[in-house]
Protein backbone atom coordinates (compact mmCIF):
# COMPACT_ATOMS: atom_id res chain seq x y z
CA MET A 1 11.34 52.70 -76.55
CA HIS A 2 10.14 55.61 -74.44
CA HIS A 3 9.95 55.71 -70.64
CA LEU A 4 6.37 56.14 -69.33
CA GLY A 5 5.58 58.13 -66.22
CA ILE A 6 2.29 57.36 -64.48
CA LEU A 7 0.94 60.37 -62.59
CA ALA A 8 -1.25 58.77 -59.94
CA HIS A 9 -4.05 60.68 -58.24
CA SER A 10 -6.18 57.77 -56.99
CA THR A 11 -5.03 54.35 -55.90
CA GLY A 12 -7.11 51.75 -57.73
CA GLY A 13 -7.09 53.47 -61.11
CA ALA A 14 -3.33 54.03 -61.01
CA ALA A 15 -2.68 50.41 -60.00
CA LEU A 16 -4.94 49.10 -62.78
CA CYS A 17 -3.28 51.37 -65.36
CA PHE A 18 0.20 50.19 -64.28
CA LEU A 19 -0.85 46.55 -64.44
CA GLU A 20 -2.55 46.91 -67.83
CA PHE A 21 0.48 48.72 -69.31
CA CYS A 22 2.83 45.95 -68.19
CA GLN A 23 0.47 43.20 -69.34
CA GLU A 24 0.13 44.84 -72.75
CA GLY A 25 3.88 44.44 -73.08
CA PHE A 26 3.62 40.79 -72.07
CA ARG A 27 0.90 40.25 -74.69
CA ARG A 28 2.87 41.99 -77.43
CA VAL A 29 6.46 41.00 -76.68
CA GLY A 30 6.33 38.07 -74.29
CA ARG A 31 9.16 37.21 -71.89
CA HIS A 32 7.71 39.54 -69.24
CA GLU A 33 8.99 42.60 -71.11
CA HIS A 34 7.55 46.11 -71.45
CA PRO A 35 8.89 49.66 -71.83
CA ASP A 36 10.27 51.33 -68.71
CA VAL A 37 7.61 52.76 -66.41
CA THR A 38 7.75 54.88 -63.26
CA LEU A 39 4.77 55.75 -61.03
CA ASP A 40 4.59 58.77 -58.72
CA TYR A 41 1.75 59.28 -56.24
CA ILE A 42 0.99 62.11 -53.85
CA ALA A 43 -2.04 60.82 -51.93
CA PHE A 44 -5.21 62.40 -53.32
CA GLY A 45 -6.61 62.88 -49.82
CA TYR A 46 -4.34 65.89 -49.44
CA SER A 47 -6.12 67.50 -52.41
CA MET A 48 -9.70 66.80 -51.33
CA PRO A 49 -10.21 70.16 -49.54
CA ALA A 50 -9.12 71.92 -52.75
CA TRP A 51 -11.47 69.74 -54.83
CA ASP A 52 -14.36 70.61 -52.53
CA ALA A 53 -13.47 74.29 -52.83
CA GLY A 54 -13.09 74.17 -56.61
CA ASP A 55 -9.47 75.25 -56.23
CA HIS A 56 -8.00 73.64 -59.33
CA ALA A 57 -4.88 75.81 -59.25
CA THR A 58 -3.72 74.29 -55.95
CA ILE A 59 -4.36 70.76 -57.21
CA ARG A 60 -2.47 71.53 -60.42
CA THR A 61 0.53 72.59 -58.37
CA THR A 62 0.49 69.26 -56.53
CA LEU A 63 0.13 67.27 -59.75
CA ALA A 64 2.89 69.32 -61.40
CA ARG A 65 5.22 68.31 -58.56
CA SER A 66 4.58 64.65 -59.40
CA VAL A 67 5.26 65.31 -63.08
CA GLU A 68 8.56 66.97 -62.16
CA ARG A 69 9.56 63.92 -60.13
CA LEU A 70 8.67 61.65 -63.06
CA ALA A 71 10.84 63.79 -65.34
CA ARG A 72 13.74 63.52 -62.90
CA ALA A 73 13.25 59.73 -62.89
CA GLY A 74 13.81 59.72 -66.66
CA ALA A 75 10.25 59.52 -68.00
CA ASP A 76 9.71 60.85 -71.54
CA PHE A 77 5.95 61.43 -71.21
CA PHE A 78 3.18 60.88 -68.70
CA VAL A 79 -0.36 59.66 -68.35
CA CYS A 80 -2.71 60.42 -65.48
CA PRO A 81 -5.15 57.55 -64.82
CA ASP A 82 -7.60 59.84 -63.04
CA ASN A 83 -10.27 61.54 -65.13
CA THR A 84 -11.19 64.20 -62.60
CA ALA A 85 -7.55 65.22 -62.20
CA HIS A 86 -7.54 66.41 -65.81
CA MET A 87 -9.80 69.29 -64.79
CA ALA A 88 -6.91 70.55 -62.66
CA LEU A 89 -4.27 69.68 -65.25
CA GLU A 90 -6.19 71.86 -67.71
CA ALA A 91 -6.10 74.84 -65.35
CA PRO A 92 -3.88 77.69 -66.58
CA GLY A 93 -0.29 77.54 -65.41
CA PRO A 94 3.30 76.91 -66.46
CA ASP A 95 3.96 74.05 -68.84
CA LEU A 96 4.26 70.70 -67.11
CA ALA A 97 7.72 69.15 -67.03
CA LEU A 98 6.62 66.39 -69.43
CA PRO A 99 4.13 66.09 -72.29
CA GLY A 100 1.15 63.87 -71.61
CA LEU A 101 -1.71 61.96 -73.18
CA HIS A 102 -5.13 63.41 -72.29
CA ILE A 103 -7.47 60.68 -71.07
CA ALA A 104 -10.64 62.27 -72.50
CA ASP A 105 -9.13 62.37 -75.98
CA VAL A 106 -8.06 58.72 -75.77
CA VAL A 107 -11.60 57.67 -74.78
CA ALA A 108 -13.33 59.94 -77.31
CA ASP A 109 -11.08 58.66 -80.09
CA GLN A 110 -12.10 55.09 -79.27
CA ALA A 111 -15.78 56.07 -79.21
CA ALA A 112 -15.36 57.56 -82.68
CA ARG A 113 -13.58 54.45 -83.98
CA ASP A 114 -16.46 52.37 -82.59
CA GLY A 115 -18.98 54.52 -84.46
CA ARG A 116 -20.80 55.71 -81.31
CA SER A 117 -23.30 58.55 -81.55
CA ARG A 118 -24.39 59.09 -77.91
CA VAL A 119 -22.21 58.09 -74.97
CA GLY A 120 -23.29 57.96 -71.32
CA LEU A 121 -20.79 59.12 -68.70
CA LEU A 122 -20.20 57.53 -65.29
CA GLY A 123 -17.63 59.13 -62.99
CA THR A 124 -17.28 61.47 -60.06
CA THR A 125 -19.72 64.35 -59.88
CA TYR A 126 -16.78 66.62 -60.75
CA THR A 127 -16.32 64.76 -64.03
CA MET A 128 -19.98 64.13 -64.84
CA ASP A 129 -20.83 67.80 -64.28
CA GLY A 130 -17.64 69.07 -65.91
CA PRO A 131 -16.73 69.98 -69.50
CA LEU A 132 -14.00 67.43 -70.29
CA TYR A 133 -16.01 64.69 -71.93
CA PRO A 134 -18.85 66.70 -73.50
CA ARG A 135 -16.18 68.79 -75.25
CA ALA A 136 -13.96 65.87 -76.31
CA LEU A 137 -16.91 63.88 -77.62
CA ALA A 138 -18.50 66.88 -79.34
CA THR A 139 -15.34 67.53 -81.38
CA ARG A 140 -15.86 64.05 -82.82
CA GLY A 141 -19.57 64.55 -83.47
CA ILE A 142 -20.68 62.43 -80.49
CA ALA A 143 -23.29 63.50 -77.92
CA ALA A 144 -22.66 63.07 -74.18
CA GLU A 145 -25.31 62.02 -71.67
CA VAL A 146 -25.12 61.97 -67.86
CA PRO A 147 -27.41 60.28 -65.33
CA ASP A 148 -30.05 62.34 -63.54
CA ALA A 149 -29.14 64.16 -60.32
CA ASP A 150 -30.10 61.34 -57.94
CA ASP A 151 -28.21 58.75 -59.94
CA ARG A 152 -25.16 61.02 -60.22
CA ARG A 153 -25.16 61.27 -56.42
CA ILE A 154 -25.33 57.47 -56.05
CA VAL A 155 -22.54 56.92 -58.59
CA ASN A 156 -20.33 59.47 -56.83
CA GLU A 157 -20.98 58.06 -53.34
CA ILE A 158 -20.04 54.55 -54.43
CA ILE A 159 -16.78 55.86 -55.90
CA PHE A 160 -15.69 57.73 -52.77
CA ASP A 161 -17.19 55.46 -50.11
CA GLU A 162 -16.20 52.17 -51.72
CA LEU A 163 -14.17 52.02 -54.93
CA VAL A 164 -11.28 54.30 -53.97
CA ASN A 165 -11.01 52.26 -50.77
CA GLY A 166 -10.82 48.98 -52.67
CA VAL A 167 -14.36 47.91 -51.77
CA VAL A 168 -16.33 46.17 -54.55
CA THR A 169 -19.83 44.88 -53.78
CA GLU A 170 -22.50 43.14 -55.80
CA SER A 171 -25.15 45.61 -54.62
CA SER A 172 -23.13 48.54 -55.99
CA ARG A 173 -22.57 46.68 -59.26
CA GLN A 174 -26.33 46.26 -59.58
CA GLU A 175 -26.87 49.96 -58.88
CA TYR A 176 -24.40 50.94 -61.59
CA CYS A 177 -26.02 48.54 -64.05
CA ARG A 178 -29.41 50.05 -63.22
CA VAL A 179 -28.03 53.52 -63.98
CA ILE A 180 -26.46 52.29 -67.21
CA GLY A 181 -29.77 50.71 -68.20
CA ARG A 182 -31.48 54.07 -67.77
CA LEU A 183 -28.85 55.67 -70.02
CA ALA A 184 -29.55 52.99 -72.63
CA ALA A 185 -33.26 53.82 -72.46
CA ARG A 186 -32.34 57.46 -73.19
CA GLY A 187 -30.63 56.47 -76.43
CA CYS A 188 -27.00 55.94 -75.42
CA ASP A 189 -25.15 53.35 -77.48
CA ALA A 190 -22.18 53.06 -75.09
CA VAL A 191 -21.17 54.08 -71.59
CA ALA A 192 -17.80 55.61 -70.76
CA LEU A 193 -16.41 54.53 -67.40
CA VAL A 194 -14.68 57.83 -66.68
CA CYS A 195 -13.62 57.17 -63.14
CA THR A 196 -10.62 54.87 -63.42
CA GLU A 197 -11.82 52.69 -60.51
CA ILE A 198 -15.21 51.90 -62.09
CA PRO A 199 -13.82 49.10 -64.34
CA LEU A 200 -13.04 47.22 -61.13
CA LEU A 201 -16.81 47.14 -60.50
CA VAL A 202 -18.47 47.14 -63.93
CA THR A 203 -17.24 44.56 -66.41
CA PRO A 204 -18.27 44.43 -70.08
CA GLU A 205 -20.16 41.22 -69.36
CA ALA A 206 -22.25 42.85 -66.62
CA SER A 207 -22.96 46.17 -68.36
CA PRO A 208 -26.24 46.76 -70.21
CA LEU A 209 -24.25 48.92 -72.69
CA PRO A 210 -20.86 48.49 -74.40
CA THR A 211 -18.18 49.97 -72.16
CA LEU A 212 -15.42 52.45 -72.88
CA ASP A 213 -12.91 51.62 -70.13
CA SER A 214 -10.92 54.82 -69.62
CA THR A 215 -8.25 53.07 -67.53
CA ARG A 216 -7.35 50.32 -69.96
CA LEU A 217 -7.74 52.56 -73.00
CA LEU A 218 -5.24 55.01 -71.49
CA ALA A 219 -2.79 52.25 -70.54
CA ARG A 220 -2.88 50.75 -74.03
CA ALA A 221 -2.48 54.15 -75.67
CA ALA A 222 0.50 54.74 -73.37
CA TYR A 223 2.00 51.46 -74.52
CA GLU A 224 1.63 52.51 -78.16
CA VAL A 225 3.60 55.69 -77.45
CA ALA A 226 6.19 53.98 -75.27
CA ALA A 227 6.76 51.28 -77.89
CA GLY A 228 7.22 53.91 -80.60
CA HIS A 229 4.04 53.10 -82.56
CA LEU A 230 2.65 56.58 -81.83
CA ALA A 231 4.55 59.86 -81.65
CA LEU A 232 5.16 61.43 -78.27
CA PRO A 233 2.27 63.69 -77.21
CA THR A 234 2.59 67.47 -77.17
CA TRP A 235 0.10 68.56 -74.47
CA ARG A 236 1.80 69.97 -71.34
CA GLY A 237 -1.26 70.94 -69.33
CA GLY A 238 -3.52 73.91 -69.71
CA PRO A 239 -6.69 74.24 -71.78
CA MET A 240 -7.00 71.89 -74.72
CA ARG A 241 -7.47 73.04 -78.28
CA ALA A 242 -10.72 72.37 -80.12
CA ARG A 243 -9.14 69.35 -81.83
CA PRO A 244 -6.14 68.50 -79.64
CA LEU A 245 -3.11 66.48 -80.60
CA ALA A 246 -2.93 64.69 -77.25
CA CYS A 247 -2.97 61.17 -78.66
CA GLY A 248 0.00 61.77 -80.94
CA SER A 249 0.25 61.01 -84.64
CA ARG A 250 0.55 57.51 -85.97
CA ARG A 251 3.86 56.30 -87.29
CA PRO A 252 3.75 54.50 -90.66
CA GLY A 253 2.99 50.81 -90.32
CA SER A 254 2.14 50.98 -86.61
CA ALA A 255 -0.47 48.80 -84.94
CA ALA A 256 -3.99 49.98 -84.17
CA LEU A 257 -4.32 52.09 -81.05
CA ALA A 258 -6.79 49.59 -79.65
CA GLY A 259 -3.86 47.26 -79.12
CA GLY A 260 -2.89 44.15 -81.04
CA GLY A 261 -5.78 44.56 -83.45
CA GLU A 262 -8.33 43.70 -80.75
CA PRO A 263 -11.14 46.08 -79.77
CA ILE A 264 -10.87 47.70 -76.36
CA SER A 265 -14.56 48.41 -75.91
CA THR A 266 -16.92 45.46 -75.75
CA THR A 267 -20.37 45.07 -77.27
CA ARG A 268 -23.10 43.13 -75.55
CA SER A 269 -26.76 42.63 -76.32
CA SER A 270 -29.46 42.37 -73.68
CA ASP A 271 -32.03 39.63 -73.57
CA ASP A 272 -34.58 41.92 -75.20
CA GLY A 273 -32.35 42.22 -78.27
CA ARG A 274 -31.29 45.85 -77.83
CA HIS A 275 -27.70 46.71 -78.62
CA HIS A 276 -26.21 47.71 -75.51
CA PRO A 277 -18.62 49.72 -72.58
CA ALA A 278 -13.60 53.87 -67.99
């Protein structure tokens, strides 16, 4: 068993990742058991001025301090259940104190396993406008699609005005489903929920497209590593390679990364028959 460190940068996503990791252990082992896990959180509000200024180096320094504290707590590797934070983690700088899984690689790997060809992205404007997911998907031969400018603004406002504050409303769920429906009309065959709070709002049952839940995918990948089914990752921050090794290599005879042989993304068809997931 390996000790997981959760590098938190937003509240809801980190809490959901922690819960999903523990519950994956309960599903696999029973008896309320799971590998050791430690969570460290420096409130993301302190980093918002740097985000607004595009100062990724300052944010990286803050995140690196959390990774150091996780290492001192005995963690063997880390995950960061915050997609946008990976833009700062990829900024140049000294190696982080622990190796970590890269959330975009975990999601893109699942999209490839699912046979997706064009994936819509819902997240903060930083993530939707950034290079993380277009690059990770492109290395697997998958196209990335983002909502138009007005819809990106709406998606971002709901994240920062509501979701990160624990507010979930039916009207916002309907807005997200409307945006997802427009992505489906543009040819997307799945939607990646790449703000880790979005799965609290958009469920597979409500979504017009199959969902790729970045939070739960990351938590289940972390379980695979912690349980010894996948090798420890090698990425310690900084720019990723064209085909990174962030998800580790599979050990012989290990279970599927999706967890227990069950798919992590969910397929749903709309009433009009079109094939329509973090």
